[in-house]
């Protein structure tokens, strides 16, 4: 696995329109881990792809109505089977963290990489997801000089709004992370 032009070579690249440029001279120094399932608790990868590409049918499921107008994306998605999909090049700002703060710095999208894991608060993650995540984290830390303490969950940067990747995410299974939880 390598990064070329801010894209992982082994990832399936599906360009999302939901990104923009990072502020000038803003280093990438944070990785935010998320969990997503569409609809909640169900693993239909194509629905996530549609969400990140503004193609989700709001009538496809009752859960979809609440998110149909959102313009969101992530840099990466690791599916339940360990496949990697990339939606935004790492040098661009994906829209994944929303209102967020890390070490008193607001707007985490400006300086972070967002990684979604296909999962939810009520379910465990697959071993293959941890294996792939570890490979990607090692790659990103090296490529962008991200300190190991700067790998956090969405709940760490938006604790009043978010709980993901959730209580079933096993921080001990990743090589590094927020306070080595």
Protein backbone atom coordinates (compact mmCIF):
# COMPACT_ATOMS: atom_id res chain seq x y z
CA UNK A 1 0.00 0.00 0.00
CA UNK A 2 1.38 3.39 -1.04
CA UNK A 3 0.20 6.97 -1.38
CA UNK A 4 0.59 8.67 -4.77
CA UNK A 5 -0.73 12.18 -5.34
CA UNK A 6 -2.53 12.00 -1.96
CA UNK A 7 -4.48 8.87 -2.93
CA UNK A 8 -3.89 5.32 -1.65
CA UNK A 9 -2.89 3.17 -4.62
CA UNK A 10 -4.84 0.13 -3.42
CA UNK A 11 -8.04 2.05 -2.66
CA UNK A 12 -11.04 2.22 -4.96
CA UNK A 13 -11.26 5.94 -5.69
CA UNK A 14 -14.78 7.37 -5.97
CA UNK A 15 -14.55 11.16 -6.21
CA UNK A 16 -16.98 12.98 -3.91
CA UNK A 17 -18.01 16.55 -4.75
CA UNK A 18 -18.10 17.31 -1.02
CA UNK A 19 -14.67 18.78 -0.39
CA UNK A 20 -12.71 21.97 -0.87
CA UNK A 21 -9.20 23.30 -0.39
CA UNK A 22 -7.55 23.34 3.00
CA UNK A 23 -6.49 26.75 4.33
CA UNK A 24 -3.07 27.70 2.97
CA UNK A 25 -0.07 26.57 5.03
CA UNK A 26 -2.21 24.33 7.24
CA UNK A 27 -0.39 21.06 7.92
CA UNK A 28 -2.30 17.80 8.11
CA UNK A 29 -1.68 16.67 11.70
CA UNK A 30 -4.80 14.82 12.89
CA UNK A 31 -6.66 11.62 11.97
CA UNK A 32 -10.30 11.32 13.03
CA UNK A 33 -11.92 7.89 13.15
CA UNK A 34 -15.65 7.62 12.51
CA UNK A 35 -18.27 4.90 12.24
CA UNK A 36 -21.08 4.88 9.70
CA UNK A 37 -23.90 2.58 8.66
CA UNK A 38 -26.69 3.38 6.23
CA UNK A 39 -29.38 2.83 7.41
CA UNK A 40 -28.40 2.74 11.06
CA UNK A 41 -27.22 -0.72 12.07
CA UNK A 42 -27.25 -2.07 8.51
CA UNK A 43 -24.20 -2.45 6.30
CA UNK A 44 -25.00 -1.40 2.78
CA UNK A 45 -21.79 0.15 1.50
CA UNK A 46 -23.45 1.53 -1.62
CA UNK A 47 -25.68 3.74 0.55
CA UNK A 48 -22.59 5.35 2.09
CA UNK A 49 -21.15 5.91 -1.37
CA UNK A 50 -24.43 7.56 -2.41
CA UNK A 51 -24.45 9.75 0.73
CA UNK A 52 -20.92 10.99 0.03
CA UNK A 53 -21.88 11.72 -3.59
CA UNK A 54 -25.22 13.44 -2.88
CA UNK A 55 -27.12 10.60 -4.56
CA UNK A 56 -28.93 9.08 -1.56
CA UNK A 57 -32.66 8.75 -2.23
CA UNK A 58 -34.45 10.29 0.78
CA UNK A 59 -37.37 7.92 0.14
CA UNK A 60 -35.14 4.82 0.15
CA UNK A 61 -35.43 4.39 3.93
CA UNK A 62 -36.93 6.48 6.75
CA UNK A 63 -33.40 7.15 8.13
CA UNK A 64 -32.34 8.73 4.84
CA UNK A 65 -34.69 11.71 5.06
CA UNK A 66 -32.70 13.28 7.91
CA UNK A 67 -29.40 13.14 6.01
CA UNK A 68 -30.51 13.55 2.41
CA UNK A 69 -29.68 17.26 2.23
CA UNK A 70 -26.34 17.03 3.99
CA UNK A 71 -23.14 17.61 2.05
CA UNK A 72 -20.68 15.27 3.76
CA UNK A 73 -17.69 13.17 2.83
CA UNK A 74 -14.70 11.45 4.29
CA UNK A 75 -11.27 10.77 2.92
CA UNK A 76 -11.59 7.01 3.41
CA UNK A 77 -14.10 4.28 4.16
CA UNK A 78 -13.03 0.85 5.41
CA UNK A 79 -15.85 -1.60 4.72
CA UNK A 80 -16.83 -4.58 6.88
CA UNK A 81 -14.82 -6.82 4.51
CA UNK A 82 -11.72 -4.60 4.74
CA UNK A 83 -12.03 -2.94 1.33
CA UNK A 84 -10.80 0.64 1.17
CA UNK A 85 -12.71 3.34 -0.68
CA UNK A 86 -11.27 6.82 -1.01
CA UNK A 87 -13.52 9.79 -1.72
CA UNK A 88 -11.24 12.81 -1.29
CA UNK A 89 -7.47 13.18 -1.81
CA UNK A 90 -5.68 13.73 1.51
CA UNK A 91 -4.42 17.19 0.55
CA UNK A 92 -8.04 18.40 0.23
CA UNK A 93 -10.50 19.15 3.02
CA UNK A 94 -13.21 16.48 3.33
CA UNK A 95 -16.37 17.44 5.20
CA UNK A 96 -16.46 14.86 8.00
CA UNK A 97 -15.95 16.40 11.45
CA UNK A 98 -18.41 19.30 11.48
CA UNK A 99 -18.19 21.62 14.47
CA UNK A 100 -15.11 20.27 16.21
CA UNK A 101 -12.10 21.14 18.39
CA UNK A 102 -8.78 19.40 18.98
CA UNK A 103 -6.28 20.85 21.45
CA UNK A 104 -8.07 24.22 21.35
CA UNK A 105 -7.90 24.36 17.54
CA UNK A 106 -11.35 24.61 15.96
CA UNK A 107 -12.58 23.37 12.57
CA UNK A 108 -10.79 20.02 12.55
CA UNK A 109 -11.65 19.44 8.90
CA UNK A 110 -9.01 22.06 8.09
CA UNK A 111 -6.13 19.92 9.38
CA UNK A 112 -7.41 16.35 9.61
CA UNK A 113 -7.93 13.18 7.62
CA UNK A 114 -11.28 11.49 8.15
CA UNK A 115 -11.50 7.70 8.15
CA UNK A 116 -14.92 6.07 8.30
CA UNK A 117 -15.27 2.49 9.48
CA UNK A 118 -18.41 0.75 8.33
CA UNK A 119 -19.99 0.08 11.72
CA UNK A 120 -22.09 1.54 14.50
CA UNK A 121 -22.16 2.08 18.26
CA UNK A 122 -24.17 -1.11 18.82
CA UNK A 123 -21.91 -3.56 16.98
CA UNK A 124 -18.32 -4.74 17.12
CA UNK A 125 -15.92 -4.00 14.29
CA UNK A 126 -14.41 -6.76 12.16
CA UNK A 127 -10.81 -7.89 12.76
CA UNK A 128 -10.01 -7.18 9.11
CA UNK A 129 -11.08 -3.57 9.63
CA UNK A 130 -8.54 -3.19 12.44
CA UNK A 131 -5.82 -4.81 10.31
CA UNK A 132 -6.49 -2.51 7.35
CA UNK A 133 -6.85 0.51 9.63
CA UNK A 134 -3.45 -0.19 11.21
CA UNK A 135 -1.80 -0.39 7.79
CA UNK A 136 -3.40 2.88 6.75
CA UNK A 137 -2.54 4.64 10.02
CA UNK A 138 1.11 3.62 9.68
CA UNK A 139 1.13 4.90 6.11
CA UNK A 140 -0.53 8.22 6.96
CA UNK A 141 1.63 8.88 10.04
CA UNK A 142 4.73 8.43 7.90
CA UNK A 143 3.50 10.37 4.85
CA UNK A 144 2.15 13.37 6.77
CA UNK A 145 4.24 13.24 9.99
CA UNK A 146 1.16 12.85 12.17
CA UNK A 147 1.99 12.31 15.86
CA UNK A 148 0.61 9.08 17.33
CA UNK A 149 -1.40 11.01 19.96
CA UNK A 150 -3.25 12.74 17.12
CA UNK A 151 -5.34 9.72 16.17
CA UNK A 152 -8.74 10.29 17.75
CA UNK A 153 -12.38 9.39 17.49
CA UNK A 154 -15.12 11.73 16.35
CA UNK A 155 -16.35 11.67 19.95
CA UNK A 156 -13.06 13.25 21.08
CA UNK A 157 -13.36 16.31 18.82
CA UNK A 158 -17.16 16.74 19.02
CA UNK A 159 -18.12 15.18 22.38
CA UNK A 160 -21.41 17.06 22.72
CA UNK A 161 -22.63 15.87 19.30
CA UNK A 162 -20.98 12.57 18.40
CA UNK A 163 -20.29 9.15 19.92
CA UNK A 164 -18.48 7.42 17.07
CA UNK A 165 -16.59 5.27 16.50
CA UNK A 166 -18.41 4.25 19.66
CA UNK A 167 -18.06 2.09 22.75
CA UNK A 168 -17.44 -1.08 20.74
CA UNK A 169 -14.39 0.33 18.98
CA UNK A 170 -11.40 -1.40 20.59
CA UNK A 171 -8.64 1.22 20.84
CA UNK A 172 -6.23 -1.47 22.05
CA UNK A 173 -6.37 -3.09 18.60
CA UNK A 174 -4.83 -0.16 16.79
CA UNK A 175 -1.11 0.57 16.82
CA UNK A 176 -1.57 4.04 18.20
CA UNK A 177 -4.28 6.43 19.09
CA UNK A 178 -5.82 8.88 21.45
CA UNK A 179 -3.92 8.53 24.71
CA UNK A 180 -3.30 4.89 23.74
CA UNK A 181 -6.76 3.94 25.01
